[in-house]
Amino acid sequence: MIGILVIGFFILIIGLILHFLPKKIKAFHEPRIKILERQLPGLNCGKCGHTTCYAYAKQIVENDDPTLCPYTEIIPENKEN
């Protein structure tokens, strides 16, 4: 009986973690990262200072300089509109 309660408790905790974790991690739900990543060449060369094009796209969304990639030209969104 106690074993069933312990297992039920752990299932409840894991369920709560899986429910609230994606809401805390914004990057998984940020479609602009994937859009920007598709605009980048995908070479993962590191010349922009980031290890991958995905990491660079993520930093652009978080207000990094969008002109660091020497292989492409990304026009930043107008944040005032």
C-alpha atoms as a PDB file:
ATOM      1  CA  MET A   1       0.000   0.000   0.000  1.00  0.00           C
ATOM      2  CA  ILE A   2       2.785   2.447   0.905  1.00  0.00           C
ATOM      3  CA  GLY A   3       4.661   1.489  -2.267  1.00  0.00           C
ATOM      4  CA  ILE A   4       1.670   2.426  -4.403  1.00  0.00           C
ATOM      5  CA  LEU A   5       1.399   5.795  -2.654  1.00  0.00           C
ATOM      6  CA  VAL A   6       5.128   6.497  -3.160  1.00  0.00           C
ATOM      7  CA  ILE A   7       4.952   5.610  -6.851  1.00  0.00           C
ATOM      8  CA  GLY A   8       1.802   7.719  -7.245  1.00  0.00           C
ATOM      9  CA  PHE A   9       3.535  10.648  -5.553  1.00  0.00           C
ATOM     10  CA  PHE A  10       6.528  10.411  -7.911  1.00  0.00           C
ATOM     11  CA  ILE A  11       4.241  10.195 -10.948  1.00  0.00           C
ATOM     12  CA  LEU A  12       2.435  13.310  -9.728  1.00  0.00           C
ATOM     13  CA  ILE A  13       5.717  15.199  -9.259  1.00  0.00           C
ATOM     14  CA  ILE A  14       7.016  14.158 -12.699  1.00  0.00           C
ATOM     15  CA  GLY A  15       3.688  15.138 -14.270  1.00  0.00           C
ATOM     16  CA  LEU A  16       3.835  18.585 -12.681  1.00  0.00           C
ATOM     17  CA  ILE A  17       7.430  19.082 -13.818  1.00  0.00           C
ATOM     18  CA  LEU A  18       6.575  18.084 -17.379  1.00  0.00           C
ATOM     19  CA  HIS A  19       3.556  20.379 -17.332  1.00  0.00           C
ATOM     20  CA  PHE A  20       5.312  23.526 -16.082  1.00  0.00           C
ATOM     21  CA  LEU A  21       8.837  23.082 -17.493  1.00  0.00           C
ATOM     22  CA  PRO A  22       8.059  24.054 -21.123  1.00  0.00           C
ATOM     23  CA  LYS A  23       6.422  27.260 -19.900  1.00  0.00           C
ATOM     24  CA  LYS A  24       9.648  28.195 -18.140  1.00  0.00           C
ATOM     25  CA  ILE A  25      11.860  27.444 -21.132  1.00  0.00           C
ATOM     26  CA  LYS A  26      10.918  30.068 -23.699  1.00  0.00           C
ATOM     27  CA  ALA A  27      13.387  28.929 -26.361  1.00  0.00           C
ATOM     28  CA  PHE A  28      11.419  25.774 -27.114  1.00  0.00           C
ATOM     29  CA  HIS A  29       8.370  27.871 -27.994  1.00  0.00           C
ATOM     30  CA  GLU A  30      10.100  30.714 -29.845  1.00  0.00           C
ATOM     31  CA  PRO A  31       9.320  30.322 -33.557  1.00  0.00           C
ATOM     32  CA  ARG A  32      11.545  33.279 -34.496  1.00  0.00           C
ATOM     33  CA  ILE A  33      14.626  31.205 -33.640  1.00  0.00           C
ATOM     34  CA  LYS A  34      13.764  28.582 -36.258  1.00  0.00           C
ATOM     35  CA  ILE A  35      12.886  31.269 -38.828  1.00  0.00           C
ATOM     36  CA  LEU A  36      16.216  33.006 -38.303  1.00  0.00           C
ATOM     37  CA  GLU A  37      18.105  29.715 -38.298  1.00  0.00           C
ATOM     38  CA  ARG A  38      16.669  28.943 -41.752  1.00  0.00           C
ATOM     39  CA  GLN A  39      18.003  32.300 -42.998  1.00  0.00           C
ATOM     40  CA  LEU A  40      21.517  31.470 -41.795  1.00  0.00           C
ATOM     41  CA  PRO A  41      23.805  29.325 -43.965  1.00  0.00           C
ATOM     42  CA  GLY A  42      24.001  26.409 -41.515  1.00  0.00           C
ATOM     43  CA  LEU A  43      27.785  26.152 -41.721  1.00  0.00           C
ATOM     44  CA  ASN A  44      28.299  26.298 -37.925  1.00  0.00           C
ATOM     45  CA  CYS A  45      31.661  27.929 -38.638  1.00  0.00           C
ATOM     46  CA  GLY A  46      31.818  30.003 -35.450  1.00  0.00           C
ATOM     47  CA  LYS A  47      32.919  33.229 -37.190  1.00  0.00           C
ATOM     48  CA  CYS A  48      30.035  35.073 -35.539  1.00  0.00           C
ATOM     49  CA  GLY A  49      31.308  34.065 -32.116  1.00  0.00           C
ATOM     50  CA  HIS A  50      28.704  31.345 -31.527  1.00  0.00           C
ATOM     51  CA  THR A  51      29.258  27.611 -31.823  1.00  0.00           C
ATOM     52  CA  THR A  52      26.252  26.913 -34.072  1.00  0.00           C
ATOM     53  CA  CYS A  53      23.883  28.814 -36.321  1.00  0.00           C
ATOM     54  CA  TYR A  54      21.058  27.839 -33.948  1.00  0.00           C
ATOM     55  CA  ALA A  55      22.902  29.438 -31.010  1.00  0.00           C
ATOM     56  CA  TYR A  56      23.468  32.580 -33.079  1.00  0.00           C
ATOM     57  CA  ALA A  57      19.775  32.725 -34.093  1.00  0.00           C
ATOM     58  CA  LYS A  58      18.805  32.355 -30.434  1.00  0.00           C
ATOM     59  CA  GLN A  59      21.083  35.252 -29.500  1.00  0.00           C
ATOM     60  CA  ILE A  60      19.642  37.417 -32.293  1.00  0.00           C
ATOM     61  CA  VAL A  61      16.175  36.867 -30.821  1.00  0.00           C
ATOM     62  CA  GLU A  62      17.603  37.868 -27.437  1.00  0.00           C
ATOM     63  CA  ASN A  63      18.858  41.190 -28.919  1.00  0.00           C
ATOM     64  CA  ASP A  64      22.313  40.265 -30.161  1.00  0.00           C
ATOM     65  CA  ASP A  65      23.866  41.911 -33.232  1.00  0.00           C
ATOM     66  CA  PRO A  66      22.283  40.384 -36.373  1.00  0.00           C
ATOM     67  CA  THR A  67      25.180  41.436 -38.599  1.00  0.00           C
ATOM     68  CA  LEU A  68      27.888  39.130 -37.239  1.00  0.00           C
ATOM     69  CA  CYS A  69      27.459  36.328 -39.792  1.00  0.00           C
ATOM     70  CA  PRO A  70      29.833  36.964 -42.713  1.00  0.00           C
ATOM     71  CA  TYR A  71      27.916  34.628 -45.042  1.00  0.00           C
ATOM     72  CA  THR A  72      24.433  36.139 -44.962  1.00  0.00           C
ATOM     73  CA  GLU A  73      22.587  39.372 -44.479  1.00  0.00           C
ATOM     74  CA  ILE A  74      19.689  39.294 -42.045  1.00  0.00           C
ATOM     75  CA  ILE A  75      17.396  42.274 -41.947  1.00  0.00           C
ATOM     76  CA  PRO A  76      16.362  42.742 -38.319  1.00  0.00           C
ATOM     77  CA  GLU A  77      12.710  43.177 -37.439  1.00  0.00           C
ATOM     78  CA  ASN A  78      11.508  46.654 -36.687  1.00  0.00           C
ATOM     79  CA  LYS A  79      10.695  46.292 -32.999  1.00  0.00           C
ATOM     80  CA  GLU A  80       8.731  49.563 -32.925  1.00  0.00           C
ATOM     81  CA  ASN A  81       5.914  48.190 -35.112  1.00  0.00           C
END
